[in-house]
Protein backbone atom coordinates (compact mmCIF):
# COMPACT_ATOMS: atom_id res chain seq x y z
CA MET A 1 -143.66 -42.21 -0.97
CA ARG A 2 -141.08 -43.89 1.27
CA LEU A 3 -139.60 -45.94 -1.56
CA ARG A 4 -139.28 -42.84 -3.73
CA SER A 5 -137.71 -40.94 -0.84
CA ALA A 6 -135.25 -43.76 -0.21
CA GLY A 7 -134.25 -43.84 -3.87
CA LEU A 8 -133.79 -40.08 -3.90
CA LEU A 9 -131.63 -40.23 -0.79
CA LEU A 10 -129.38 -42.95 -2.21
CA PHE A 11 -128.88 -40.81 -5.30
CA MET A 12 -128.09 -37.67 -3.29
CA LEU A 13 -125.78 -39.19 -0.69
CA GLY A 14 -122.72 -39.11 -2.91
CA SER A 15 -123.05 -35.35 -3.47
CA LEU A 16 -123.91 -34.20 0.08
CA ARG A 17 -121.33 -31.83 1.50
CA ALA A 18 -121.96 -29.80 4.64
CA ASP A 19 -120.53 -29.01 8.02
CA PHE A 20 -119.96 -32.16 10.02
CA GLN A 21 -118.33 -33.45 13.18
CA GLU A 22 -115.11 -35.40 12.67
CA GLN A 23 -113.71 -37.96 15.09
CA GLU A 24 -110.74 -40.32 15.11
CA VAL A 25 -110.57 -43.81 16.60
CA ARG A 26 -108.00 -46.62 16.56
CA ALA A 27 -108.48 -50.37 16.39
CA LEU A 28 -106.26 -53.44 16.18
CA VAL A 29 -106.64 -55.87 13.32
CA GLY A 30 -109.12 -58.59 14.29
CA SER A 31 -110.81 -56.55 17.03
CA ASN A 32 -114.32 -55.06 17.17
CA ILE A 33 -114.89 -51.31 17.26
CA GLU A 34 -117.81 -48.92 17.68
CA LEU A 35 -117.90 -45.84 15.44
CA SER A 36 -119.77 -43.19 17.38
CA CYS A 37 -122.65 -41.21 15.90
CA VAL A 38 -124.89 -39.80 18.65
CA HIS A 39 -127.46 -37.01 18.50
CA PRO A 40 -126.34 -34.19 20.81
CA LYS A 41 -129.74 -33.72 22.37
CA ASP A 42 -131.34 -36.26 24.69
CA SER A 43 -134.47 -37.10 22.76
CA SER A 44 -136.33 -40.17 21.56
CA PHE A 45 -136.84 -41.06 17.91
CA ASP A 46 -139.51 -42.94 16.04
CA LEU A 47 -137.90 -45.61 13.86
CA ASN A 48 -140.61 -45.10 11.23
CA ASP A 49 -139.45 -41.51 10.90
CA LEU A 50 -135.72 -42.25 10.41
CA TYR A 51 -133.38 -42.78 7.49
CA VAL A 52 -129.90 -43.75 8.66
CA TYR A 53 -126.91 -44.24 6.38
CA TRP A 54 -123.28 -45.22 6.99
CA GLN A 55 -121.02 -45.01 3.97
CA LEU A 56 -117.37 -44.40 3.15
CA PHE A 57 -116.68 -40.68 3.09
CA GLY A 58 -116.31 -39.31 -0.42
CA SER A 59 -117.58 -42.46 -2.12
CA GLU A 60 -120.80 -44.31 -2.78
CA THR A 61 -119.71 -47.44 -0.87
CA VAL A 62 -122.53 -48.27 1.57
CA VAL A 63 -121.45 -49.80 4.87
CA ALA A 64 -124.86 -50.08 6.61
CA TYR A 65 -128.24 -48.36 6.50
CA TYR A 66 -131.72 -48.34 7.97
CA LEU A 67 -134.93 -47.53 6.12
CA PRO A 68 -138.41 -47.54 7.70
CA GLU A 69 -140.16 -50.91 7.32
CA ASN A 70 -137.32 -52.16 5.14
CA SER A 71 -134.53 -54.35 6.56
CA SER A 72 -132.97 -55.17 3.20
CA THR A 73 -129.17 -55.03 2.96
CA GLY A 74 -129.09 -55.23 -0.81
CA HIS A 75 -127.12 -51.99 -1.13
CA THR A 76 -124.45 -52.90 1.45
CA ASP A 77 -120.93 -53.41 0.09
CA ASP A 78 -119.77 -57.04 0.21
CA HIS A 79 -116.73 -56.12 2.34
CA TYR A 80 -119.02 -54.97 5.16
CA ARG A 81 -121.89 -57.40 4.80
CA ASP A 82 -122.43 -59.29 8.10
CA ARG A 83 -119.65 -57.21 9.76
CA ALA A 84 -121.42 -53.86 10.23
CA GLN A 85 -124.43 -53.57 12.52
CA LEU A 86 -126.82 -50.89 13.80
CA SER A 87 -128.83 -51.23 17.03
CA LEU A 88 -132.53 -50.46 16.67
CA ASP A 89 -132.96 -49.99 20.42
CA SER A 90 -130.08 -47.53 20.54
CA MET A 91 -131.40 -45.56 17.57
CA LYS A 92 -134.64 -44.94 19.45
CA GLN A 93 -132.51 -43.06 22.03
CA GLY A 94 -130.62 -41.04 19.41
CA ASN A 95 -127.54 -43.32 19.24
CA PHE A 96 -126.83 -44.23 15.61
CA SER A 97 -123.36 -45.67 16.22
CA LEU A 98 -122.03 -48.41 13.97
CA ARG A 99 -120.61 -51.65 15.38
CA LEU A 100 -117.86 -53.00 13.13
CA TYR A 101 -116.63 -56.56 13.71
CA ASN A 102 -113.31 -58.23 12.87
CA VAL A 103 -111.46 -55.12 11.76
CA THR A 104 -109.19 -55.54 8.73
CA PRO A 105 -106.44 -53.31 7.29
CA GLN A 106 -108.85 -52.37 4.48
CA ASP A 107 -111.12 -50.74 7.08
CA GLU A 108 -108.72 -47.82 7.50
CA GLN A 109 -111.17 -45.33 6.04
CA LYS A 110 -113.30 -42.31 6.82
CA PHE A 111 -116.85 -43.44 7.67
CA HIS A 112 -119.76 -41.05 7.15
CA CYS A 113 -122.89 -41.17 9.31
CA LEU A 114 -126.01 -39.40 8.01
CA VAL A 115 -129.42 -39.28 9.69
CA PHE A 116 -132.60 -37.83 8.12
CA ARG A 117 -136.14 -37.42 9.43
CA GLU A 118 -139.07 -37.92 7.09
CA SER A 119 -141.38 -35.79 9.24
CA LEU A 120 -139.06 -32.85 8.60
CA GLU A 121 -139.22 -33.37 4.83
CA LEU A 122 -136.04 -35.47 4.91
CA GLN A 123 -134.08 -32.80 6.73
CA LYS A 124 -130.65 -33.91 7.86
CA VAL A 125 -130.47 -33.98 11.65
CA LEU A 126 -127.04 -35.55 12.15
CA ASP A 127 -123.82 -35.56 10.12
CA VAL A 128 -120.71 -37.22 11.60
CA VAL A 129 -117.43 -38.41 10.06
CA VAL A 130 -115.33 -40.99 11.89
CA ARG A 131 -111.81 -41.73 10.75
CA LEU A 132 -110.69 -45.23 11.64
CA HIS A 133 -106.96 -45.93 12.07
CA VAL A 134 -106.01 -49.60 11.93
CA ALA A 135 -102.87 -51.10 13.47
CA ALA A 136 -101.24 -54.49 13.99
CA ASN A 137 -98.22 -55.40 16.09
CA TYR A 138 -95.09 -56.42 14.20
CA SER A 139 -93.35 -59.62 15.18
CA MET A 140 -90.13 -59.35 17.17
CA PRO A 141 -87.33 -58.67 14.66
CA VAL A 142 -84.91 -61.49 13.88
CA VAL A 143 -81.35 -60.46 13.03
CA SER A 144 -79.13 -62.84 11.07
CA THR A 145 -75.39 -62.27 11.43
CA PRO A 146 -72.38 -63.64 9.53
CA SER A 147 -71.85 -67.16 10.88
CA SER A 148 -68.67 -68.28 9.16
CA PRO A 149 -65.27 -66.78 8.34
CA SER A 150 -64.99 -64.90 5.10
CA GLN A 151 -62.40 -62.88 3.28
CA ASP A 152 -65.00 -60.36 2.09
CA GLU A 153 -64.44 -56.70 2.93
CA GLU A 154 -68.12 -56.35 4.01
CA LEU A 155 -70.28 -57.79 6.77
CA THR A 156 -73.93 -58.45 5.88
CA PHE A 157 -76.74 -58.37 8.47
CA THR A 158 -80.38 -59.25 7.73
CA CYS A 159 -83.38 -58.12 9.82
CA THR A 160 -86.88 -59.56 9.31
CA SER A 161 -90.26 -58.74 10.90
CA THR A 162 -93.77 -59.73 9.76
CA ASN A 163 -97.54 -59.16 10.05
CA GLY A 164 -97.59 -55.51 11.07
CA TYR A 165 -99.60 -52.44 10.13
CA PRO A 166 -99.23 -49.66 9.07
CA ARG A 167 -96.04 -49.51 7.02
CA PRO A 168 -93.06 -49.42 9.41
CA ASN A 169 -89.95 -47.32 9.76
CA VAL A 170 -86.72 -49.36 9.85
CA TYR A 171 -83.55 -48.20 11.55
CA TRP A 172 -80.13 -49.73 12.15
CA ILE A 173 -78.30 -48.61 15.29
CA ASN A 174 -74.64 -48.63 16.22
CA LYS A 175 -74.92 -50.17 19.70
CA THR A 176 -71.49 -48.87 20.69
CA ASP A 177 -72.80 -45.31 21.03
CA ASN A 178 -76.53 -45.80 20.14
CA SER A 179 -76.20 -43.63 17.03
CA LEU A 180 -78.28 -44.19 13.90
CA LEU A 181 -76.43 -45.71 10.97
CA ASP A 182 -76.61 -44.06 7.57
CA LYS A 183 -79.72 -45.24 5.70
CA ALA A 184 -77.56 -45.52 2.57
CA LEU A 185 -76.03 -48.63 4.14
CA GLN A 186 -79.36 -50.48 4.28
CA ASN A 187 -81.71 -51.90 1.69
CA ASN A 188 -85.35 -52.36 2.80
CA THR A 189 -87.96 -54.55 1.13
CA ILE A 190 -91.48 -53.97 2.49
CA THR A 191 -94.35 -55.99 1.00
CA LEU A 192 -98.04 -56.63 1.67
CA ASN A 193 -98.83 -60.26 2.46
CA PRO A 194 -102.15 -62.01 1.64
CA GLN A 195 -103.62 -60.84 4.97
CA GLY A 196 -103.07 -57.22 3.97
CA LEU A 197 -100.30 -56.82 6.57
CA TYR A 198 -96.72 -55.71 6.00
CA ASP A 199 -93.62 -57.92 6.01
CA VAL A 200 -90.22 -56.25 6.09
CA VAL A 201 -86.72 -57.47 5.23
CA SER A 202 -83.81 -55.08 5.79
CA ILE A 203 -80.23 -55.83 4.72
CA LEU A 204 -77.32 -53.88 6.21
CA LYS A 205 -73.79 -53.93 4.78
CA LEU A 206 -70.83 -52.68 6.80
CA ARG A 207 -67.09 -52.65 6.27
CA ARG A 208 -65.40 -55.45 8.17
CA SER A 209 -64.11 -54.49 11.61
CA PRO A 210 -63.62 -56.37 14.89
CA ASN A 211 -66.42 -56.60 17.50
CA VAL A 212 -69.21 -55.09 15.40
CA ASN A 213 -72.41 -54.61 17.46
CA VAL A 214 -75.51 -53.34 15.67
CA GLY A 215 -79.23 -53.29 16.41
CA CYS A 216 -82.29 -53.45 14.16
CA CYS A 217 -85.30 -51.29 15.12
CA ILE A 218 -88.84 -51.70 13.71
CA GLU A 219 -90.99 -48.66 14.51
CA ASN A 220 -94.81 -48.70 14.46
CA VAL A 221 -95.67 -45.00 14.61
CA LEU A 222 -99.41 -45.50 15.21
CA LEU A 223 -98.84 -47.75 18.23
CA HIS A 224 -95.85 -45.70 19.48
CA GLN A 225 -93.93 -48.97 19.44
CA ASN A 226 -90.24 -49.62 18.83
CA LEU A 227 -89.00 -53.20 18.63
CA THR A 228 -85.20 -53.43 18.76
CA VAL A 229 -82.95 -56.49 18.62
CA SER A 230 -79.18 -56.29 19.02
CA SER A 231 -76.53 -58.57 17.56
CA GLN A 232 -72.94 -58.89 18.76
CA THR A 233 -70.37 -60.33 16.32
CA GLY A 234 -66.82 -61.43 16.97
CA THR A 235 -63.71 -61.11 14.87
CA PHE A 236 -64.64 -64.18 12.82
CA LYS A 237 -61.21 -65.65 13.16
CA GLY A 238 -62.71 -69.08 13.70
CA SER A 239 -66.00 -70.88 13.20
CA ILE A 240 -68.71 -69.93 15.66
CA ASP A 241 -69.74 -73.57 15.95
CA SER A 242 -66.18 -74.87 16.59
CA ILE A 243 -65.42 -76.76 19.81
CA PRO A 244 -62.07 -76.14 21.58
CA ASP A 245 -59.62 -79.05 21.75
CA ILE A 246 -59.46 -80.99 25.02
CA PRO A 247 -55.82 -81.45 26.26
CA VAL A 248 -54.57 -85.07 26.44
CA ILE A 249 -52.08 -86.26 29.11
CA PRO A 250 -48.90 -87.66 27.42
CA GLN A 251 -48.07 -91.33 27.91
CA ASP A 252 -44.71 -90.57 29.67
CA LYS A 253 -46.55 -89.06 32.63
CA ASN A 254 -48.26 -92.30 33.73
CA VAL A 255 -45.69 -92.81 36.51
CA THR A 256 -46.54 -89.44 38.03
CA VAL A 257 -50.25 -90.25 38.01
CA THR A 258 -49.61 -93.57 39.80
CA SER A 259 -47.58 -91.85 42.51
CA ILE A 260 -50.39 -89.37 43.14
CA ILE A 261 -52.94 -92.20 43.54
CA LEU A 262 -50.72 -94.03 46.10
CA ALA A 263 -50.25 -90.86 48.11
CA LEU A 264 -54.01 -90.36 48.26
CA ILE A 265 -54.50 -93.94 49.59
CA VAL A 266 -51.95 -93.41 52.37
CA PHE A 267 -53.56 -90.11 53.34
CA ALA A 268 -57.00 -91.76 53.52
CA ALA A 269 -55.68 -94.52 55.83
CA MET A 270 -54.14 -91.97 58.19
CA ALA A 271 -57.39 -90.02 58.33
CA VAL A 272 -59.39 -93.15 59.28
CA GLY A 273 -56.92 -93.93 62.10
CA TRP A 274 -57.21 -90.43 63.52
CA MET A 275 -60.99 -90.56 63.48
CA CYS A 276 -61.00 -93.88 65.40
CA ARG A 277 -58.70 -92.56 68.12
CA SER A 278 -60.80 -89.46 68.62
CA ARG A 279 -64.00 -91.53 69.05
CA CYS A 280 -62.61 -94.29 71.35
CA PRO A 281 -62.37 -93.36 75.14
CA HIS A 282 -58.82 -93.24 76.63
CA ARG A 283 -58.25 -95.48 79.69
CA SER A 284 -55.51 -94.90 82.36
CA TYR A 285 -53.69 -97.75 84.24
CA ALA A 286 -54.86 -97.93 87.87
CA GLY A 287 -52.54 -100.68 89.09
CA ALA A 288 -53.27 -104.29 89.99
CA THR A 289 -56.58 -105.04 91.66
CA ALA A 290 -57.85 -108.04 93.46
CA ALA A 291 -59.76 -110.48 91.42
CA THR A 292 -63.49 -110.52 92.28
CA LEU A 293 -66.22 -112.79 91.16
CA GLU A 294 -68.84 -110.91 89.17
CA PRO A 295 -72.20 -112.20 88.01
CA GLU A 296 -72.48 -113.45 84.49
CA LEU A 297 -73.47 -110.66 82.06
CA PRO A 298 -76.08 -111.15 79.40
CA ASP A 299 -75.11 -111.54 75.78
CA PRO A 300 -74.16 -108.04 74.58
CA LEU A 301 -75.78 -108.68 71.20
CA PHE A 302 -79.19 -108.78 72.90
CA SER A 303 -78.59 -106.05 75.46
CA PRO A 304 -80.57 -102.88 74.83
CA LYS A 305 -77.68 -100.80 76.24
CA SER A 306 -74.71 -102.54 74.72
CA GLU A 307 -71.44 -100.58 74.75
CA THR A 308 -70.07 -99.23 71.48
CA ILE A 309 -67.04 -101.20 70.28
CA CYS A 310 -64.22 -99.15 68.78
CA LEU A 311 -61.75 -100.93 66.58
CA CYS A 312 -58.69 -98.80 65.97
CA LEU A 313 -55.74 -99.65 63.87
């Protein structure tokens, strides 16, 4: 009876259309997400009485399912095998949510949750649709500017950004007044890479003018994210990588240089003399005094309180 019922359900799932709850969730590429499908009433369920199906809405692609006394995953689509999981303990409490691991861009779908009870003659007790939006951050844009002088009448700027999702909007901005440049001036190439993410290359062509300053903006609408990089260009009168010449002193000025060096030596000698006079104590003449015999003093080299000797020029 159960096998026949299961086969009948699998046949009917593609044609079921009825009132259902619809939800929306967002997830980043590579993350894990739970798609909610919960019975509104707080009640317990017998697993042997349940038939639970998760499939892509409007198609026969099976994401995950539960049948009484049958844990086979033979009907699960290869894209979701080992990535989609139901919790038996949670289902006993009326929570039939799906856990989806390692989200990919291909998972941006509508997922359909259907729950039937065998004791009610396979009556549907829960019908929920969850729309999953997938996003990935774009890399910071890189703007290439003209790097060498040219006689062309146009300046060409290139903006690149990679590994984002969903498809981006690309804008070029005149940084002088922050106005948007005409889209007719740009040529965008947006491609899907092997990871299912978008890479973008945008080329902007402008008429040559001095001090052009433009910005490239990559907009991810789903993440409400705008990545903008500015680029300031000069007049291109010379190579950007050029090094200015270093002035060389002519040979006929060697005499002047020698005179400056001699003056500096004289000034240094005068400064040393002034410092010595300021440090040495000044003594005044007190007239002749009688000679007296004084005891012999110890060697000043070994005296702990030897007097400082000042030698002034």
